[in-house]
Amino acid sequence: MVFAQFVDLIYGLLACVSIALGGSMGWAIAVVSLVVRLVLFPLTLRMAYRGLEMRVALRRLEPELKRVRARYKRD
């Protein structure tokens, strides 16, 4: 039920954009996908920054992890 409402909402949005662009559904899809990417861009940057922070943290911990692995090699 909710999925059908979501599809109707997206189709309505595409129809409105299509009418505004002269009736081309292809251009409407391109414009809507571009807008969605622009809206999600800050989230993408935040995720990339967090990933970079995690890699730096793991690099800092790597010597200690090697010591622990060497100490408990047989376990």
C-alpha atoms as a PDB file:
ATOM      1  CA  MET A   1       0.000   0.000   0.000  1.00  0.00           C
ATOM      2  CA  VAL A   2       2.740   2.470   0.973  1.00  0.00           C
ATOM      3  CA  PHE A   3       4.843   1.349  -1.993  1.00  0.00           C
ATOM      4  CA  ALA A   4       1.982   2.126  -4.391  1.00  0.00           C
ATOM      5  CA  GLN A   5       1.641   5.615  -2.904  1.00  0.00           C
ATOM      6  CA  PHE A   6       5.381   6.163  -3.290  1.00  0.00           C
ATOM      7  CA  VAL A   7       5.256   5.069  -6.931  1.00  0.00           C
ATOM      8  CA  ASP A   8       2.293   7.371  -7.569  1.00  0.00           C
ATOM      9  CA  LEU A   9       4.186  10.255  -5.968  1.00  0.00           C
ATOM     10  CA  ILE A  10       7.279   9.657  -8.111  1.00  0.00           C
ATOM     11  CA  TYR A  11       5.190   9.275 -11.255  1.00  0.00           C
ATOM     12  CA  GLY A  12       3.336  12.508 -10.475  1.00  0.00           C
ATOM     13  CA  LEU A  13       6.629  14.308  -9.951  1.00  0.00           C
ATOM     14  CA  LEU A  14       7.990  12.952 -13.226  1.00  0.00           C
ATOM     15  CA  ALA A  15       4.794  13.932 -15.048  1.00  0.00           C
ATOM     16  CA  CYS A  16       4.978  17.504 -13.719  1.00  0.00           C
ATOM     17  CA  VAL A  17       8.637  17.860 -14.655  1.00  0.00           C
ATOM     18  CA  SER A  18       7.933  16.297 -18.038  1.00  0.00           C
ATOM     19  CA  ILE A  19       5.172  18.797 -18.759  1.00  0.00           C
ATOM     20  CA  ALA A  20       7.448  21.664 -17.674  1.00  0.00           C
ATOM     21  CA  LEU A  21      10.172  20.430 -20.036  1.00  0.00           C
ATOM     22  CA  GLY A  22       7.915  20.054 -23.048  1.00  0.00           C
ATOM     23  CA  GLY A  23       6.625  16.524 -22.646  1.00  0.00           C
ATOM     24  CA  SER A  24       9.856  14.521 -22.675  1.00  0.00           C
ATOM     25  CA  MET A  25       9.797  11.838 -19.986  1.00  0.00           C
ATOM     26  CA  GLY A  26      13.477  11.067 -20.629  1.00  0.00           C
ATOM     27  CA  TRP A  27      14.541  14.603 -19.751  1.00  0.00           C
ATOM     28  CA  ALA A  28      12.250  14.504 -16.724  1.00  0.00           C
ATOM     29  CA  ILE A  29      13.971  11.351 -15.443  1.00  0.00           C
ATOM     30  CA  ALA A  30      17.373  12.951 -15.999  1.00  0.00           C
ATOM     31  CA  VAL A  31      16.400  16.151 -14.162  1.00  0.00           C
ATOM     32  CA  VAL A  32      14.810  14.329 -11.225  1.00  0.00           C
ATOM     33  CA  SER A  33      17.799  11.998 -10.843  1.00  0.00           C
ATOM     34  CA  LEU A  34      20.151  14.999 -10.913  1.00  0.00           C
ATOM     35  CA  VAL A  35      18.107  16.754  -8.224  1.00  0.00           C
ATOM     36  CA  VAL A  36      18.127  13.617  -6.045  1.00  0.00           C
ATOM     37  CA  ARG A  37      21.917  13.339  -6.413  1.00  0.00           C
ATOM     38  CA  LEU A  38      22.362  16.998  -5.489  1.00  0.00           C
ATOM     39  CA  VAL A  39      20.145  16.586  -2.420  1.00  0.00           C
ATOM     40  CA  LEU A  40      22.084  13.497  -1.289  1.00  0.00           C
ATOM     41  CA  PHE A  41      25.524  14.987  -2.047  1.00  0.00           C
ATOM     42  CA  PRO A  42      26.143  16.318   1.518  1.00  0.00           C
ATOM     43  CA  LEU A  43      25.389  12.867   2.910  1.00  0.00           C
ATOM     44  CA  THR A  44      27.811  11.320   0.422  1.00  0.00           C
ATOM     45  CA  LEU A  45      30.542  13.739   1.485  1.00  0.00           C
ATOM     46  CA  ARG A  46      29.880  13.010   5.150  1.00  0.00           C
ATOM     47  CA  MET A  47      30.159   9.259   4.569  1.00  0.00           C
ATOM     48  CA  ALA A  48      33.411   9.695   2.637  1.00  0.00           C
ATOM     49  CA  TYR A  49      34.850  11.858   5.425  1.00  0.00           C
ATOM     50  CA  ARG A  50      33.871   9.305   8.075  1.00  0.00           C
ATOM     51  CA  GLY A  51      35.507   6.541   6.042  1.00  0.00           C
ATOM     52  CA  LEU A  52      38.695   8.576   5.846  1.00  0.00           C
ATOM     53  CA  GLU A  53      38.622   9.143   9.604  1.00  0.00           C
ATOM     54  CA  MET A  54      38.235   5.401  10.187  1.00  0.00           C
ATOM     55  CA  ARG A  55      41.218   4.605   7.949  1.00  0.00           C
ATOM     56  CA  VAL A  56      43.382   7.126   9.818  1.00  0.00           C
ATOM     57  CA  ALA A  57      42.308   5.652  13.164  1.00  0.00           C
ATOM     58  CA  LEU A  58      43.112   2.123  11.999  1.00  0.00           C
ATOM     59  CA  ARG A  59      46.547   3.248  10.781  1.00  0.00           C
ATOM     60  CA  ARG A  60      47.229   4.685  14.224  1.00  0.00           C
ATOM     61  CA  LEU A  61      46.201   1.419  15.892  1.00  0.00           C
ATOM     62  CA  GLU A  62      48.048  -0.855  13.460  1.00  0.00           C
ATOM     63  CA  PRO A  63      51.295  -1.216  15.493  1.00  0.00           C
ATOM     64  CA  GLU A  64      49.369  -2.191  18.599  1.00  0.00           C
ATOM     65  CA  LEU A  65      47.243  -4.636  16.619  1.00  0.00           C
ATOM     66  CA  LYS A  66      50.410  -6.273  15.244  1.00  0.00           C
ATOM     67  CA  ARG A  67      51.780  -6.671  18.776  1.00  0.00           C
ATOM     68  CA  VAL A  68      48.551  -8.267  19.988  1.00  0.00           C
ATOM     69  CA  ARG A  69      48.410 -10.604  16.982  1.00  0.00           C
ATOM     70  CA  ALA A  70      52.019 -11.642  17.537  1.00  0.00           C
ATOM     71  CA  ARG A  71      51.417 -12.225  21.229  1.00  0.00           C
ATOM     72  CA  TYR A  72      48.322 -14.380  20.663  1.00  0.00           C
ATOM     73  CA  LYS A  73      49.457 -16.003  17.425  1.00  0.00           C
ATOM     74  CA  ARG A  74      48.674 -19.513  18.644  1.00  0.00           C
ATOM     75  CA  ASP A  75      45.147 -18.723  19.851  1.00  0.00           C
END
